[in-house]
Amino acid sequence: VRAGSIPALGTQMKSTIYSKRCIRLFLLLIYMFCMSSCVYFNTFYNARTSFKSAKKIISSMDYREANIPAQAKSLLDEAIMNSRSVIDNHPKSKFIEEAYYIISVSMFLKEDYKGASNNLRKLIDLFPYGALNLESYLWLAFCELRLSNIDGSKDILNKRIPIGVLNKKENYLFSMIKAEIFLHNQDFINVYESYKDAIKYSTTDTDKMKVYSQLIKISDKNKD
């Protein structure tokens, strides 16, 4: 054995062990990152799923039901909780705008109009050019209407909603708001016309069911 060969072998073994440890640490970090990403995405996916399921249940309610079903309330609570988790734990997420939207509309559906209004205003401030900006203003106008601030609701519609550029979903919501404003004024001809527009712009069968249910409720109450 040549002199110096044993120390060289020892150095090589140490280098190999160090490399293996680095690889294991690197793989562990990748695994932890992937797990964290999966948990984060699943949290938002669950929020979105609960929200959609709750809306479907509410839209399918019989017109004689005064309160939303307990199952829908539970689903809305889950949607709010999971959306809040995304906002608190992943503030740079691309889903933040939609998370605020889910919280706001869920609160509206639970009839917490003040809470919905506060979250919508925050959403509008944070994302003034966001994809949900127009719809957020429409929901805000709806909140003001449900809070008996009719003039405030009309003001938002007149100043913030450019007629002629709304998509089907936005037009549906706009028609539903107009119907309630006309109902407040006991203008039943325009109530019916606005609901007919809502049916035209509805994108799902459950949306149509919700409008027909409102039409039945109003016409039955007025013996029309």
Protein backbone atom coordinates (compact mmCIF):
# COMPACT_ATOMS: atom_id res chain seq x y z
CA VAL A 1 0.00 0.00 0.00
CA ARG A 2 1.39 3.35 -1.03
CA ALA A 3 1.87 5.99 1.63
CA GLY A 4 -1.03 8.46 1.77
CA SER A 5 -3.58 6.17 0.10
CA ILE A 6 -5.54 5.45 3.33
CA PRO A 7 -6.19 9.15 4.21
CA ALA A 8 -7.38 9.77 0.63
CA LEU A 9 -9.88 6.91 0.92
CA GLY A 10 -11.16 8.30 4.23
CA THR A 11 -11.71 11.72 2.69
CA GLN A 12 -13.61 10.17 -0.21
CA MET A 13 -15.89 8.24 2.17
CA LYS A 14 -16.64 11.41 4.17
CA SER A 15 -17.48 13.23 0.93
CA THR A 16 -19.82 10.42 -0.15
CA ILE A 17 -21.63 10.39 3.22
CA TYR A 18 -21.98 14.20 3.10
CA SER A 19 -23.39 14.04 -0.43
CA LYS A 20 -25.96 11.41 0.57
CA ARG A 21 -27.05 13.53 3.54
CA CYS A 22 -27.44 16.56 1.28
CA ILE A 23 -29.55 14.53 -1.16
CA ARG A 24 -31.75 13.22 1.64
CA LEU A 25 -32.20 16.73 3.02
CA PHE A 26 -33.02 18.06 -0.45
CA LEU A 27 -35.60 15.31 -1.02
CA LEU A 28 -37.11 15.97 2.41
CA LEU A 29 -37.45 19.67 1.61
CA ILE A 30 -39.13 18.86 -1.72
CA TYR A 31 -41.51 16.47 0.04
CA MET A 32 -42.40 19.08 2.68
CA PHE A 33 -42.94 21.74 0.00
CA CYS A 34 -45.18 19.41 -2.02
CA MET A 35 -47.18 18.43 1.05
CA SER A 36 -47.61 22.10 2.00
CA SER A 37 -48.75 22.95 -1.53
CA CYS A 38 -51.22 20.05 -1.54
CA VAL A 39 -52.72 21.09 1.80
CA TYR A 40 -53.01 24.70 0.61
CA PHE A 41 -54.65 23.77 -2.70
CA ASN A 42 -56.98 21.26 -1.03
CA THR A 43 -58.06 23.91 1.47
CA PHE A 44 -59.12 26.27 -1.30
CA TYR A 45 -60.63 23.47 -3.39
CA ASN A 46 -62.76 22.47 -0.38
CA ALA A 47 -63.84 26.10 0.10
CA ARG A 48 -64.91 26.35 -3.54
CA THR A 49 -66.71 22.99 -3.46
CA SER A 50 -68.61 23.77 -0.23
CA PHE A 51 -69.61 27.17 -1.60
CA LYS A 52 -70.99 25.73 -4.85
CA SER A 53 -72.85 22.96 -3.03
CA ALA A 54 -74.46 25.44 -0.63
CA LYS A 55 -75.57 27.71 -3.49
CA LYS A 56 -77.14 24.75 -5.25
CA ILE A 57 -79.13 23.78 -2.14
CA ILE A 58 -80.32 27.37 -1.59
CA SER A 59 -81.33 27.84 -5.23
CA SER A 60 -83.35 24.61 -5.05
CA MET A 61 -85.37 25.70 -1.99
CA ASP A 62 -89.15 25.64 -2.12
CA TYR A 63 -90.56 29.17 -2.32
CA ARG A 64 -92.47 28.56 0.92
CA GLU A 65 -89.26 27.95 2.91
CA ALA A 66 -88.32 31.01 4.93
CA ASN A 67 -84.91 29.90 6.24
CA ILE A 68 -82.01 28.30 4.43
CA PRO A 69 -81.46 24.59 5.26
CA ALA A 70 -79.03 23.65 8.03
CA GLN A 71 -76.88 21.71 5.55
CA ALA A 72 -76.43 24.83 3.42
CA LYS A 73 -75.45 26.89 6.48
CA SER A 74 -72.88 24.28 7.46
CA LEU A 75 -71.41 24.26 3.95
CA LEU A 76 -71.22 28.06 3.91
CA ASP A 77 -69.42 28.02 7.27
CA GLU A 78 -66.90 25.55 5.83
CA ALA A 79 -66.42 27.74 2.76
CA ILE A 80 -65.78 30.81 4.92
CA MET A 81 -63.39 28.97 7.26
CA ASN A 82 -61.31 27.44 4.45
CA SER A 83 -61.21 30.69 2.48
CA ARG A 84 -60.07 32.55 5.58
CA SER A 85 -57.34 29.94 6.09
CA VAL A 86 -56.02 30.59 2.56
CA ILE A 87 -56.01 34.37 3.17
CA ASP A 88 -54.27 34.09 6.55
CA ASN A 89 -51.70 31.42 5.65
CA HIS A 90 -51.06 32.17 1.97
CA PRO A 91 -51.44 35.95 1.54
CA LYS A 92 -49.57 35.90 -1.82
CA SER A 93 -51.78 33.19 -3.30
CA LYS A 94 -53.42 33.70 -6.69
CA PHE A 95 -56.69 32.59 -5.05
CA ILE A 96 -56.91 35.51 -2.58
CA GLU A 97 -59.39 37.49 -4.68
CA GLU A 98 -61.72 34.51 -5.05
CA ALA A 99 -61.30 33.63 -1.36
CA TYR A 100 -62.60 37.09 -0.35
CA TYR A 101 -65.41 36.69 -2.88
CA ILE A 102 -66.45 33.32 -1.41
CA ILE A 103 -66.41 34.76 2.12
CA SER A 104 -68.48 37.78 1.06
CA VAL A 105 -71.17 35.91 -0.90
CA SER A 106 -71.34 33.16 1.74
CA MET A 107 -72.06 35.81 4.38
CA PHE A 108 -74.69 37.35 2.11
CA LEU A 109 -76.39 33.97 1.67
CA LYS A 110 -76.33 33.54 5.47
CA GLU A 111 -78.07 36.94 5.65
CA ASP A 112 -75.09 38.62 7.34
CA TYR A 113 -75.34 41.59 5.00
CA LYS A 114 -73.14 43.89 7.08
CA GLY A 115 -70.34 41.33 7.23
CA ALA A 116 -70.70 40.66 3.51
CA SER A 117 -70.56 44.39 2.77
CA ASN A 118 -67.36 44.85 4.82
CA ASN A 119 -65.61 41.99 3.04
CA LEU A 120 -66.78 43.16 -0.39
CA ARG A 121 -65.38 46.64 0.25
CA LYS A 122 -62.06 45.10 1.25
CA LEU A 123 -62.10 42.92 -1.86
CA ILE A 124 -62.78 45.95 -4.06
CA ASP A 125 -59.98 47.95 -2.38
CA LEU A 126 -57.45 45.11 -2.73
CA PHE A 127 -58.34 44.21 -6.33
CA PRO A 128 -59.64 47.37 -8.07
CA TYR A 129 -58.87 45.82 -11.47
CA GLY A 130 -59.57 42.22 -10.55
CA ALA A 131 -61.64 39.76 -12.55
CA LEU A 132 -64.38 39.90 -9.90
CA ASN A 133 -64.52 43.69 -9.54
CA LEU A 134 -67.84 44.30 -11.33
CA GLU A 135 -69.51 41.34 -9.67
CA SER A 136 -68.24 42.55 -6.29
CA TYR A 137 -69.92 45.92 -6.84
CA LEU A 138 -73.15 44.14 -7.80
CA TRP A 139 -73.09 42.10 -4.59
CA LEU A 140 -72.32 45.29 -2.66
CA ALA A 141 -75.39 46.93 -4.21
CA PHE A 142 -77.38 43.83 -3.22
CA CYS A 143 -76.11 44.15 0.37
CA GLU A 144 -77.16 47.81 0.54
CA LEU A 145 -80.58 46.84 -0.79
CA ARG A 146 -81.00 44.12 1.86
CA LEU A 147 -79.86 46.63 4.51
CA SER A 148 -82.76 48.87 3.38
CA ASN A 149 -80.39 51.43 1.87
CA ILE A 150 -82.26 51.66 -1.45
CA ASP A 151 -80.63 54.93 -2.53
CA GLY A 152 -77.17 53.55 -1.73
CA SER A 153 -77.88 50.46 -3.82
CA LYS A 154 -79.11 52.55 -6.77
CA ASP A 155 -76.06 54.82 -6.44
CA ILE A 156 -73.68 51.87 -6.78
CA LEU A 157 -75.58 50.55 -9.80
CA ASN A 158 -75.63 53.96 -11.50
CA LYS A 159 -72.00 54.90 -10.83
CA ARG A 160 -70.15 51.57 -10.83
CA ILE A 161 -71.99 49.26 -13.24
CA PRO A 162 -71.43 50.05 -16.94
CA ILE A 163 -74.46 48.65 -18.76
CA GLY A 164 -73.66 46.83 -22.00
CA VAL A 165 -70.38 45.23 -20.90
CA LEU A 166 -71.69 42.78 -18.31
CA ASN A 167 -71.31 39.05 -18.86
CA LYS A 168 -74.21 36.62 -18.39
CA LYS A 169 -73.46 35.97 -14.74
CA GLU A 170 -73.24 39.70 -13.98
CA ASN A 171 -76.41 40.42 -15.97
CA TYR A 172 -78.24 37.72 -14.02
CA LEU A 173 -77.25 39.30 -10.72
CA PHE A 174 -78.06 42.80 -12.02
CA SER A 175 -81.56 41.64 -13.04
CA MET A 176 -82.16 40.03 -9.63
CA ILE A 177 -81.21 43.28 -7.88
CA LYS A 178 -83.45 45.36 -10.17
CA ALA A 179 -86.36 42.98 -9.47
CA GLU A 180 -86.01 43.56 -5.71
CA ILE A 181 -85.79 47.34 -6.15
CA PHE A 182 -88.99 47.31 -8.24
CA LEU A 183 -90.58 45.03 -5.66
CA HIS A 184 -89.75 47.56 -2.96
CA ASN A 185 -91.60 50.17 -5.04
CA GLN A 186 -94.52 47.76 -5.64
CA ASP A 187 -93.91 48.02 -9.39
CA PHE A 188 -94.94 44.46 -10.21
CA ILE A 189 -94.86 44.80 -14.00
CA ASN A 190 -91.14 45.62 -13.88
CA VAL A 191 -90.59 43.01 -11.16
CA TYR A 192 -91.82 40.34 -13.55
CA GLU A 193 -89.86 41.80 -16.46
CA SER A 194 -86.63 41.87 -14.42
CA TYR A 195 -87.09 38.26 -13.34
CA LYS A 196 -87.74 37.30 -16.97
CA ASP A 197 -84.39 38.94 -17.81
CA ALA A 198 -82.77 36.98 -14.98
CA ILE A 199 -84.10 33.73 -16.47
CA LYS A 200 -82.67 34.74 -19.85
CA TYR A 201 -79.22 35.39 -18.35
CA SER A 202 -79.18 32.41 -15.95
CA THR A 203 -76.37 29.93 -16.62
CA THR A 204 -77.58 26.96 -14.57
CA ASP A 205 -80.84 25.14 -13.96
CA THR A 206 -80.63 25.94 -10.26
CA ASP A 207 -80.44 29.67 -11.08
CA LYS A 208 -83.58 29.31 -13.18
CA MET A 209 -85.30 27.41 -10.36
CA LYS A 210 -84.47 30.23 -7.95
CA VAL A 211 -86.07 32.83 -10.24
CA TYR A 212 -89.19 30.74 -10.89
CA SER A 213 -89.53 30.21 -7.16
CA GLN A 214 -89.44 33.98 -6.62
CA LEU A 215 -92.03 34.51 -9.36
CA ILE A 216 -94.36 31.95 -7.78
CA LYS A 217 -93.89 33.48 -4.33
CA ILE A 218 -94.67 37.04 -5.50
CA SER A 219 -97.58 36.15 -7.79
CA ASP A 220 -99.11 33.91 -5.11
CA LYS A 221 -98.81 36.61 -2.46
CA ASN A 222 -100.46 39.16 -4.76
CA LYS A 223 -103.10 36.74 -6.10
CA ASP A 224 -101.74 37.50 -9.54
